[in-house]
Amino acid sequence: MSRNRNVVPEARAALDAFKYEVANEIGVPLKQGYNGDLTSFQNGSVGGYMVKKMVEAQQRQMAGK
């Protein structure tokens, strides 16, 4: 059972699309469904890069850019 819950459930589809976009950018072969063949490093790098991009976007917005 996953303990990760979206604060804004309506954003789920956008977050999933963002996840696959980020995975493609960094060369992780993430696919729909089972991804147990990927290493924890690969999976972690997708999540980490997603957070990095979201923080950068928020900082730009707060700076008025």
N, C-alpha and C. Protein backbone atom coordinates (compact mmCIF):
# COMPACT_ATOMS: atom_id res chain seq x y z
N MET A 1 0.84 -1.18 0.00
CA MET A 1 0.00 0.00 0.00
C MET A 1 0.88 1.25 0.00
N SER A 2 0.64 2.14 -0.91
CA SER A 2 1.40 3.36 -1.03
C SER A 2 0.93 4.40 -0.01
N ARG A 3 1.87 5.03 0.64
CA ARG A 3 1.53 6.10 1.58
C ARG A 3 1.60 7.46 0.93
N ASN A 4 2.04 7.50 -0.32
CA ASN A 4 2.10 8.77 -1.03
C ASN A 4 0.72 9.17 -1.49
N ARG A 5 0.30 10.34 -1.07
CA ARG A 5 -1.01 10.85 -1.47
C ARG A 5 -0.83 12.23 -2.09
N ASN A 6 -1.58 12.47 -3.14
CA ASN A 6 -1.53 13.78 -3.76
C ASN A 6 -2.35 14.76 -2.93
N VAL A 7 -1.78 15.90 -2.65
CA VAL A 7 -2.49 16.94 -1.92
C VAL A 7 -3.63 17.47 -2.78
N VAL A 8 -3.38 17.56 -4.07
CA VAL A 8 -4.38 18.01 -5.03
C VAL A 8 -4.64 16.84 -5.98
N PRO A 9 -5.64 16.02 -5.69
CA PRO A 9 -5.88 14.83 -6.52
C PRO A 9 -6.09 15.13 -8.00
N GLU A 10 -6.59 16.31 -8.32
CA GLU A 10 -6.82 16.69 -9.71
C GLU A 10 -5.51 16.80 -10.49
N ALA A 11 -4.40 16.90 -9.80
CA ALA A 11 -3.10 17.07 -10.45
C ALA A 11 -2.44 15.74 -10.79
N ARG A 12 -3.07 14.63 -10.46
CA ARG A 12 -2.46 13.31 -10.64
C ARG A 12 -2.03 13.06 -12.09
N ALA A 13 -2.90 13.33 -13.04
CA ALA A 13 -2.57 13.10 -14.45
C ALA A 13 -1.40 13.96 -14.90
N ALA A 14 -1.39 15.21 -14.47
CA ALA A 14 -0.29 16.11 -14.85
C ALA A 14 1.02 15.65 -14.22
N LEU A 15 0.98 15.18 -12.98
CA LEU A 15 2.19 14.69 -12.33
C LEU A 15 2.70 13.42 -13.00
N ASP A 16 1.81 12.54 -13.41
CA ASP A 16 2.23 11.34 -14.12
C ASP A 16 2.90 11.70 -15.45
N ALA A 17 2.30 12.62 -16.17
CA ALA A 17 2.90 13.06 -17.44
C ALA A 17 4.26 13.69 -17.20
N PHE A 18 4.37 14.49 -16.15
CA PHE A 18 5.63 15.13 -15.79
C PHE A 18 6.69 14.08 -15.44
N LYS A 19 6.28 13.03 -14.74
CA LYS A 19 7.20 11.96 -14.36
C LYS A 19 7.81 11.30 -15.60
N TYR A 20 6.98 10.99 -16.59
CA TYR A 20 7.48 10.35 -17.81
C TYR A 20 8.33 11.31 -18.63
N GLU A 21 7.99 12.58 -18.62
CA GLU A 21 8.78 13.59 -19.31
C GLU A 21 10.17 13.68 -18.70
N VAL A 22 10.23 13.73 -17.37
CA VAL A 22 11.52 13.82 -16.67
C VAL A 22 12.34 12.55 -16.91
N ALA A 23 11.69 11.39 -16.82
CA ALA A 23 12.41 10.14 -17.04
C ALA A 23 13.02 10.11 -18.44
N ASN A 24 12.28 10.58 -19.42
CA ASN A 24 12.79 10.63 -20.78
C ASN A 24 13.98 11.59 -20.89
N GLU A 25 13.88 12.74 -20.22
CA GLU A 25 14.97 13.74 -20.26
C GLU A 25 16.27 13.19 -19.71
N ILE A 26 16.19 12.40 -18.64
CA ILE A 26 17.42 11.92 -18.01
C ILE A 26 17.80 10.51 -18.44
N GLY A 27 17.04 9.96 -19.39
CA GLY A 27 17.41 8.68 -19.98
C GLY A 27 17.03 7.45 -19.18
N VAL A 28 16.03 7.55 -18.33
CA VAL A 28 15.55 6.41 -17.57
C VAL A 28 14.39 5.78 -18.34
N PRO A 29 14.50 4.48 -18.65
CA PRO A 29 13.45 3.83 -19.47
C PRO A 29 12.19 3.50 -18.67
N LEU A 30 11.54 4.50 -18.12
CA LEU A 30 10.32 4.33 -17.34
C LEU A 30 9.16 4.06 -18.28
N LYS A 31 8.34 3.08 -17.93
CA LYS A 31 7.20 2.74 -18.77
C LYS A 31 5.96 2.58 -17.92
N GLN A 32 4.80 2.59 -18.56
CA GLN A 32 3.54 2.37 -17.85
C GLN A 32 3.56 0.98 -17.24
N GLY A 33 3.03 0.85 -16.04
CA GLY A 33 2.94 -0.47 -15.41
C GLY A 33 4.18 -0.83 -14.61
N TYR A 34 4.60 -2.06 -14.71
CA TYR A 34 5.68 -2.62 -13.90
C TYR A 34 7.03 -2.03 -14.29
N ASN A 35 7.78 -1.54 -13.30
CA ASN A 35 9.12 -1.01 -13.52
C ASN A 35 10.12 -1.62 -12.54
N GLY A 36 9.85 -2.85 -12.11
CA GLY A 36 10.72 -3.51 -11.14
C GLY A 36 12.10 -3.85 -11.68
N ASP A 37 12.27 -3.74 -12.98
CA ASP A 37 13.58 -4.01 -13.58
C ASP A 37 14.51 -2.81 -13.48
N LEU A 38 14.00 -1.67 -13.04
CA LEU A 38 14.84 -0.48 -12.86
C LEU A 38 15.48 -0.49 -11.48
N THR A 39 16.65 0.11 -11.38
CA THR A 39 17.33 0.17 -10.09
C THR A 39 16.71 1.26 -9.22
N SER A 40 16.97 1.17 -7.93
CA SER A 40 16.47 2.20 -7.03
C SER A 40 17.13 3.55 -7.35
N PHE A 41 18.35 3.52 -7.83
CA PHE A 41 19.03 4.75 -8.23
C PHE A 41 18.29 5.41 -9.39
N GLN A 42 17.89 4.61 -10.38
CA GLN A 42 17.17 5.16 -11.53
C GLN A 42 15.83 5.76 -11.09
N ASN A 43 15.10 5.01 -10.30
CA ASN A 43 13.80 5.50 -9.84
C ASN A 43 13.97 6.75 -8.97
N GLY A 44 14.95 6.73 -8.09
CA GLY A 44 15.20 7.88 -7.22
C GLY A 44 15.62 9.11 -7.99
N SER A 45 16.38 8.90 -9.06
CA SER A 45 16.83 10.06 -9.84
C SER A 45 15.66 10.73 -10.53
N VAL A 46 14.65 9.95 -10.95
CA VAL A 46 13.46 10.55 -11.56
C VAL A 46 12.75 11.44 -10.54
N GLY A 47 12.50 10.90 -9.36
CA GLY A 47 11.83 11.68 -8.31
C GLY A 47 12.63 12.90 -7.90
N GLY A 48 13.92 12.73 -7.74
CA GLY A 48 14.77 13.85 -7.34
C GLY A 48 14.79 14.96 -8.38
N TYR A 49 14.86 14.58 -9.65
CA TYR A 49 14.90 15.58 -10.70
C TYR A 49 13.55 16.28 -10.84
N MET A 50 12.46 15.53 -10.59
CA MET A 50 11.13 16.15 -10.60
C MET A 50 11.06 17.25 -9.55
N VAL A 51 11.52 16.94 -8.35
CA VAL A 51 11.49 17.92 -7.25
C VAL A 51 12.35 19.13 -7.61
N LYS A 52 13.53 18.88 -8.16
CA LYS A 52 14.43 19.97 -8.54
C LYS A 52 13.75 20.90 -9.54
N LYS A 53 13.10 20.33 -10.56
CA LYS A 53 12.44 21.16 -11.57
C LYS A 53 11.25 21.91 -10.99
N MET A 54 10.50 21.27 -10.08
CA MET A 54 9.36 21.96 -9.46
C MET A 54 9.82 23.11 -8.57
N VAL A 55 10.91 22.92 -7.83
CA VAL A 55 11.44 23.99 -6.99
C VAL A 55 11.93 25.14 -7.85
N GLU A 56 12.63 24.83 -8.93
CA GLU A 56 13.11 25.88 -9.84
C GLU A 56 11.95 26.68 -10.42
N ALA A 57 10.89 25.99 -10.83
CA ALA A 57 9.73 26.68 -11.40
C ALA A 57 9.07 27.59 -10.36
N GLN A 58 8.97 27.11 -9.15
CA GLN A 58 8.35 27.92 -8.09
C GLN A 58 9.22 29.13 -7.76
N GLN A 59 10.53 28.95 -7.74
CA GLN A 59 11.43 30.07 -7.47
C GLN A 59 11.31 31.13 -8.56
N ARG A 60 11.22 30.68 -9.83
CA ARG A 60 11.05 31.65 -10.93
C ARG A 60 9.74 32.40 -10.77
N GLN A 61 8.68 31.69 -10.40
CA GLN A 61 7.38 32.33 -10.22
C GLN A 61 7.44 33.34 -9.09
N MET A 62 8.10 32.99 -8.00
CA MET A 62 8.18 33.89 -6.83
C MET A 62 9.04 35.11 -7.15
N ALA A 63 10.02 34.93 -8.06
CA ALA A 63 10.88 36.04 -8.44
C ALA A 63 10.22 36.91 -9.51
N GLY A 64 9.07 36.49 -10.00
CA GLY A 64 8.35 37.28 -11.00
C GLY A 64 8.85 37.08 -12.41
N LYS A 65 9.51 35.97 -12.66
CA LYS A 65 10.04 35.70 -14.01
C LYS A 65 9.15 34.75 -14.74
